[in-house]
Amino acid sequence: MINNIQISPGLEDRRELLSLLSGKTISALSFDNILKCNYNFECVDYFSWLFKLKLNKKVEIFWWRLGKAAISTLIFLHYRKLVRDKNCVRGCNCSENYEHIMVTCKYLIDVIKQIQLWGISIPVFQDLNSCLKELRRLYVRNSGIVKLYCIAVYLSWSNRNHVKHGKSALPSSVTAANTLALASIKGSPYLSRWGTNFLRESCESWCPPPKEWMKINVDASLARSNCAGVGGIFRDHKGRFILAFGEKKTHWVITKLEMDVVFSV
C-alpha cells in the first residue's frame, strides 16, 4: 500500500495544523492550550494509573473526560460567552475550573472530611498538580484510597449538576456514604447493600456507620464438640455501646449457625 502512494518530486513539504480536523472552534483550542499550560495531566501518567483502578464505568469515563478537558466547566462556558456567572453554583464564591472540581470545591472537601470522621484517611489537597502527583503515588501502595477520592469527585460533580438544574443538593454525609457504597459494590450506590466488612484502608478495625445510623455486628463460633455460641453488639455512629446479646447453641454447620444469628437480631 505504501509503495502505491504517488510522490510528486516537484512539490515541497509544508506544515499542516495539528488540530485542523478536530472539529473544535478556535476558542475551544485556545482554552485547551491554557489548560495544558496550567495542568499537565501527561507528566503524571494520568491515564495509565487511572484505568488500572478498575473504577465504575461512569466514574472512569468522567475522569477520562477530565483528563481530556472535555467537561464543560462554567469558566469555559463563560469564556465562550454562553453563561454570565463563572462561579460555582453551590456558593463557593470562586471560579468553577478543573482545579475547583477535582480539589478545592467546599462541598467536595466536606464530603472528604465526613469520610475522615469515619476513620478513613482520605487526603485533602491544596492544588491540582499536587493532587495528581499524590494520587499517582498513592495508587502504588493504597489504590483503595485513590478509588475513594475519584468516586467522591464524581459524586460531587453529579450533585453539582442537580443544583445547576434546580434540584436540591444532597447533604455531604449522604454523598460520603454513597461514595463508600459505590466503592464497595460496583454500579450500586445504595446504602441498603453497604457491606459491614468494607474498607481495609480504614485506620481502625471497626468502620462506623453514617451519622444518625446504628450498626450491628454479629458473630458465631462452633467448637468440635458441636457446642456453639452466637452474639452481637449494637453501636451508634460514634462507636458508643447501645446493647449486646449472646446465646449458647448446639450445632454442626457454621454457615447455618451464622445465618441463625442474623435472623435472631
Protein backbone atom coordinates (compact mmCIF):
# COMPACT_ATOMS: atom_id res chain seq x y z
CA MET A 1 0.00 0.00 0.00
CA ILE A 2 2.83 2.38 0.86
CA ASN A 3 4.59 1.63 -2.44
CA ASN A 4 1.45 2.62 -4.34
CA ILE A 5 1.49 6.16 -2.95
CA GLN A 6 2.46 8.62 -5.69
CA ILE A 7 5.15 11.15 -4.76
CA SER A 8 5.47 14.41 -6.68
CA PRO A 9 9.14 15.39 -6.57
CA GLY A 10 8.42 18.93 -7.70
CA LEU A 11 6.38 19.84 -4.58
CA GLU A 12 7.89 20.97 -1.30
CA ASP A 13 6.81 19.74 2.14
CA ARG A 14 4.57 22.13 4.01
CA ARG A 15 3.22 22.38 7.51
CA GLU A 16 -0.31 21.38 8.43
CA LEU A 17 -2.25 22.39 11.53
CA LEU A 18 -2.24 19.64 14.13
CA SER A 19 -5.89 20.23 15.09
CA LEU A 20 -7.13 21.16 11.62
CA LEU A 21 -9.76 18.39 11.54
CA SER A 22 -10.50 18.19 15.28
CA GLY A 23 -13.91 19.85 14.92
CA LYS A 24 -13.11 22.33 17.71
CA THR A 25 -13.50 26.08 17.41
CA ILE A 26 -10.58 28.49 17.88
CA SER A 27 -11.97 29.37 21.34
CA ALA A 28 -12.01 25.72 22.36
CA LEU A 29 -8.48 25.14 21.06
CA SER A 30 -7.13 28.18 22.91
CA PHE A 31 -8.84 27.08 26.12
CA ASP A 32 -7.31 23.60 25.77
CA ASN A 33 -3.88 25.17 25.39
CA ILE A 34 -4.38 27.27 28.54
CA LEU A 35 -5.42 24.15 30.43
CA LYS A 36 -2.38 22.18 29.28
CA CYS A 37 -0.09 25.02 30.32
CA ASN A 38 -1.58 25.16 33.82
CA TYR A 39 -2.19 21.47 34.48
CA ASN A 40 -0.10 18.79 32.81
CA PHE A 41 -2.02 15.51 33.05
CA GLU A 42 0.54 13.64 30.95
CA CYS A 43 3.51 14.22 33.26
CA VAL A 44 1.92 12.07 35.98
CA ASP A 45 0.97 9.21 33.62
CA TYR A 46 -2.65 10.16 34.27
CA PHE A 47 -4.35 7.58 32.09
CA SER A 48 -2.01 4.70 32.95
CA TRP A 49 -2.92 4.55 36.65
CA LEU A 50 -6.50 5.71 36.10
CA PHE A 51 -7.52 2.68 34.03
CA LYS A 52 -5.75 0.28 36.41
CA LEU A 53 -8.06 1.34 39.23
CA LYS A 54 -10.96 -0.54 37.59
CA LEU A 55 -13.47 2.09 38.62
CA ASN A 56 -17.18 2.03 37.99
CA LYS A 57 -17.57 2.81 34.27
CA LYS A 58 -19.40 6.10 34.84
CA VAL A 59 -16.68 7.24 37.24
CA GLU A 60 -13.92 6.11 34.88
CA ILE A 61 -15.43 7.92 31.88
CA PHE A 62 -15.88 11.06 33.99
CA TRP A 63 -12.20 11.08 35.00
CA TRP A 64 -11.18 10.27 31.42
CA ARG A 65 -13.14 13.33 30.29
CA LEU A 66 -11.39 15.41 32.95
CA GLY A 67 -8.04 14.33 31.56
CA LYS A 68 -9.16 15.23 28.04
CA ALA A 69 -10.52 18.63 29.14
CA ALA A 70 -13.93 17.52 27.91
CA ILE A 71 -16.01 18.73 30.88
CA SER A 72 -17.97 21.93 30.27
CA THR A 73 -17.00 23.96 33.32
CA LEU A 74 -18.63 27.30 33.99
CA ILE A 75 -15.36 29.14 33.41
CA PHE A 76 -15.18 27.55 29.94
CA LEU A 77 -18.79 28.43 29.17
CA HIS A 78 -18.15 31.97 30.43
CA TYR A 79 -15.05 32.18 28.24
CA ARG A 80 -17.26 31.37 25.25
CA LYS A 81 -19.89 33.88 26.49
CA LEU A 82 -22.55 31.20 26.97
CA VAL A 83 -23.13 32.00 30.67
CA ARG A 84 -22.74 35.17 32.70
CA ASP A 85 -21.58 33.76 36.02
CA LYS A 86 -18.47 31.59 36.17
CA ASN A 87 -18.62 30.91 39.92
CA CYS A 88 -19.61 27.57 41.44
CA VAL A 89 -23.39 27.13 41.63
CA ARG A 90 -23.14 25.82 45.21
CA GLY A 91 -21.93 29.12 46.61
CA CYS A 92 -18.18 28.53 46.82
CA ASN A 93 -17.54 32.12 45.62
CA CYS A 94 -14.77 31.03 43.26
CA SER A 95 -14.49 30.19 39.57
CA GLU A 96 -15.52 26.70 38.53
CA ASN A 97 -12.46 25.32 36.74
CA TYR A 98 -10.90 21.86 36.75
CA GLU A 99 -8.93 22.52 39.90
CA HIS A 100 -12.13 23.54 41.64
CA ILE A 101 -13.99 20.40 40.52
CA MET A 102 -11.20 17.99 41.48
CA VAL A 103 -9.66 19.65 44.53
CA THR A 104 -10.92 22.91 46.08
CA CYS A 105 -14.74 22.73 45.99
CA LYS A 106 -16.07 23.29 49.52
CA TYR A 107 -18.72 20.62 49.06
CA LEU A 108 -16.09 18.07 47.98
CA ILE A 109 -13.94 18.94 50.99
CA ASP A 110 -16.95 18.48 53.30
CA VAL A 111 -17.54 15.03 51.79
CA ILE A 112 -13.89 14.07 52.31
CA LYS A 113 -13.88 15.34 55.91
CA GLN A 114 -17.01 13.30 56.61
CA ILE A 115 -15.25 10.18 55.35
CA GLN A 116 -12.27 11.06 57.54
CA LEU A 117 -14.58 11.18 60.57
CA TRP A 118 -15.48 7.56 59.84
CA GLY A 119 -11.84 6.52 60.26
CA ILE A 120 -10.66 6.52 56.63
CA SER A 121 -7.52 8.53 55.84
CA ILE A 122 -8.51 10.12 52.55
CA PRO A 123 -6.38 13.21 51.81
CA VAL A 124 -7.38 16.82 51.15
CA PHE A 125 -5.20 18.56 48.54
CA GLN A 126 -4.27 22.20 48.04
CA ASP A 127 -3.96 22.33 44.24
CA LEU A 128 -4.49 20.15 41.19
CA ASN A 129 -0.85 19.44 40.39
CA SER A 130 -0.12 18.12 43.89
CA CYS A 131 -3.39 16.16 43.76
CA LEU A 132 -2.43 14.32 40.56
CA LYS A 133 1.08 13.55 41.75
CA GLU A 134 -0.10 12.28 45.14
CA LEU A 135 -2.86 10.15 43.62
CA ARG A 136 -0.29 8.53 41.36
CA ARG A 137 1.98 7.86 44.35
CA LEU A 138 -0.86 6.51 46.50
CA TYR A 139 -2.04 4.22 43.71
CA VAL A 140 1.06 2.03 44.14
CA ARG A 141 0.58 1.30 47.85
CA ASN A 142 -3.07 2.10 48.58
CA SER A 143 -5.27 2.06 45.49
CA GLY A 144 -8.44 1.89 47.61
CA ILE A 145 -7.92 5.44 48.87
CA VAL A 146 -7.36 6.68 45.30
CA LYS A 147 -10.54 4.93 44.20
CA LEU A 148 -12.48 6.58 47.03
CA TYR A 149 -11.19 10.01 46.05
CA CYS A 150 -12.13 9.52 42.39
CA ILE A 151 -15.65 8.44 43.34
CA ALA A 152 -16.05 11.36 45.76
CA VAL A 153 -15.14 13.83 42.99
CA TYR A 154 -17.58 12.16 40.59
CA LEU A 155 -20.49 12.22 43.07
CA SER A 156 -19.67 15.81 44.00
CA TRP A 157 -19.92 16.75 40.31
CA SER A 158 -23.20 14.85 39.97
CA ASN A 159 -24.56 16.73 42.97
CA ARG A 160 -23.42 19.98 41.36
CA ASN A 161 -25.41 19.12 38.23
CA HIS A 162 -28.53 18.55 40.32
CA VAL A 163 -28.16 22.01 41.84
CA LYS A 164 -27.47 23.55 38.44
CA HIS A 165 -30.75 22.15 37.10
CA GLY A 166 -32.85 23.35 40.02
CA LYS A 167 -32.81 20.32 42.29
CA SER A 168 -31.84 20.35 45.96
CA ALA A 169 -28.32 19.39 46.96
CA LEU A 170 -27.72 16.18 48.89
CA PRO A 171 -26.12 16.55 52.34
CA SER A 172 -22.39 15.90 52.32
CA SER A 173 -22.89 12.97 54.73
CA VAL A 174 -25.19 11.23 52.23
CA THR A 175 -22.71 11.77 49.40
CA ALA A 176 -19.92 10.43 51.63
CA ALA A 177 -21.96 7.31 52.40
CA ASN A 178 -22.75 6.81 48.71
CA THR A 179 -19.03 7.14 47.98
CA LEU A 180 -18.29 4.21 50.28
CA ALA A 181 -21.16 2.22 48.82
CA LEU A 182 -20.09 2.76 45.22
CA ALA A 183 -16.51 1.84 46.11
CA SER A 184 -17.57 -1.42 47.74
CA ILE A 185 -20.23 -2.51 45.25
CA LYS A 186 -19.66 -1.58 41.61
CA GLY A 187 -22.56 0.17 39.97
CA SER A 188 -24.78 0.17 43.08
CA PRO A 189 -24.53 3.31 45.25
CA TYR A 190 -27.32 2.24 47.60
CA LEU A 191 -26.72 2.16 51.33
CA SER A 192 -29.05 -0.80 51.82
CA ARG A 193 -26.33 -3.00 50.31
CA TRP A 194 -23.37 -1.45 52.12
CA GLY A 195 -21.19 -4.28 53.46
CA THR A 196 -20.10 -4.19 57.09
CA ASN A 197 -16.65 -5.54 56.25
CA PHE A 198 -15.85 -2.77 53.78
CA LEU A 199 -12.61 -0.83 53.55
CA ARG A 200 -9.46 -2.38 54.80
CA GLU A 201 -7.92 1.07 54.23
CA SER A 202 -9.61 2.18 57.46
CA CYS A 203 -7.23 3.17 60.26
CA GLU A 204 -9.42 1.27 62.73
CA SER A 205 -10.67 -2.31 62.77
CA TRP A 206 -14.28 -1.12 63.12
CA CYS A 207 -15.74 1.15 60.46
CA PRO A 208 -18.53 3.39 61.84
CA PRO A 209 -21.86 3.90 60.04
CA PRO A 210 -23.09 7.26 58.69
CA LYS A 211 -24.30 9.90 61.14
CA GLU A 212 -27.54 9.07 62.98
CA TRP A 213 -27.25 5.42 61.87
CA MET A 214 -26.84 2.36 64.07
CA LYS A 215 -24.54 -0.55 63.21
CA ILE A 216 -24.99 -4.17 64.25
CA ASN A 217 -22.01 -6.56 64.33
CA VAL A 218 -22.76 -10.27 64.78
CA ASP A 219 -20.57 -13.36 65.02
CA ALA A 220 -20.82 -17.09 65.64
CA SER A 221 -18.40 -19.71 66.95
CA LEU A 222 -18.54 -23.50 66.63
CA ALA A 223 -16.36 -25.98 68.54
CA ARG A 224 -15.54 -29.56 67.52
CA SER A 225 -17.87 -30.79 70.26
CA ASN A 226 -20.76 -29.07 68.43
CA CYS A 227 -21.08 -26.55 71.25
CA ALA A 228 -21.73 -23.18 69.67
CA GLY A 229 -22.30 -19.59 70.60
CA VAL A 230 -23.78 -16.60 68.80
CA GLY A 231 -23.76 -12.93 69.73
CA GLY A 232 -23.92 -9.38 68.53
CA ILE A 233 -23.43 -5.75 69.51
CA PHE A 234 -25.25 -2.52 68.62
CA ARG A 235 -23.28 0.74 68.32
CA ASP A 236 -24.03 4.23 67.01
CA HIS A 237 -22.03 6.31 64.51
CA LYS A 238 -19.63 7.43 67.27
CA GLY A 239 -18.92 3.86 68.34
CA ARG A 240 -20.90 4.21 71.58
CA PHE A 241 -22.32 0.98 73.01
CA ILE A 242 -26.13 0.61 72.83
CA LEU A 243 -26.81 -3.04 73.66
CA ALA A 244 -25.43 -6.56 73.16
CA PHE A 245 -26.78 -10.10 73.14
CA GLY A 246 -25.44 -13.65 73.25
CA GLU A 247 -26.78 -17.19 73.27
CA LYS A 248 -25.41 -20.73 73.59
CA LYS A 249 -26.42 -23.29 70.98
CA THR A 250 -25.68 -26.79 69.79
CA HIS A 251 -24.97 -27.01 66.08
CA TRP A 252 -22.77 -28.69 63.48
CA VAL A 253 -22.79 -26.35 60.42
CA ILE A 254 -21.08 -22.98 60.87
CA THR A 255 -22.72 -21.37 57.85
CA LYS A 256 -26.20 -22.27 59.11
CA LEU A 257 -25.22 -21.04 62.57
CA GLU A 258 -24.16 -17.67 61.18
CA MET A 259 -27.48 -17.38 59.35
CA ASP A 260 -29.29 -18.11 62.63
CA VAL A 261 -27.53 -15.25 64.39
CA VAL A 262 -28.51 -12.86 61.59
CA PHE A 263 -32.17 -13.85 61.84
CA SER A 264 -32.08 -13.67 65.63
CA VAL A 265 -31.47 -9.90 65.57
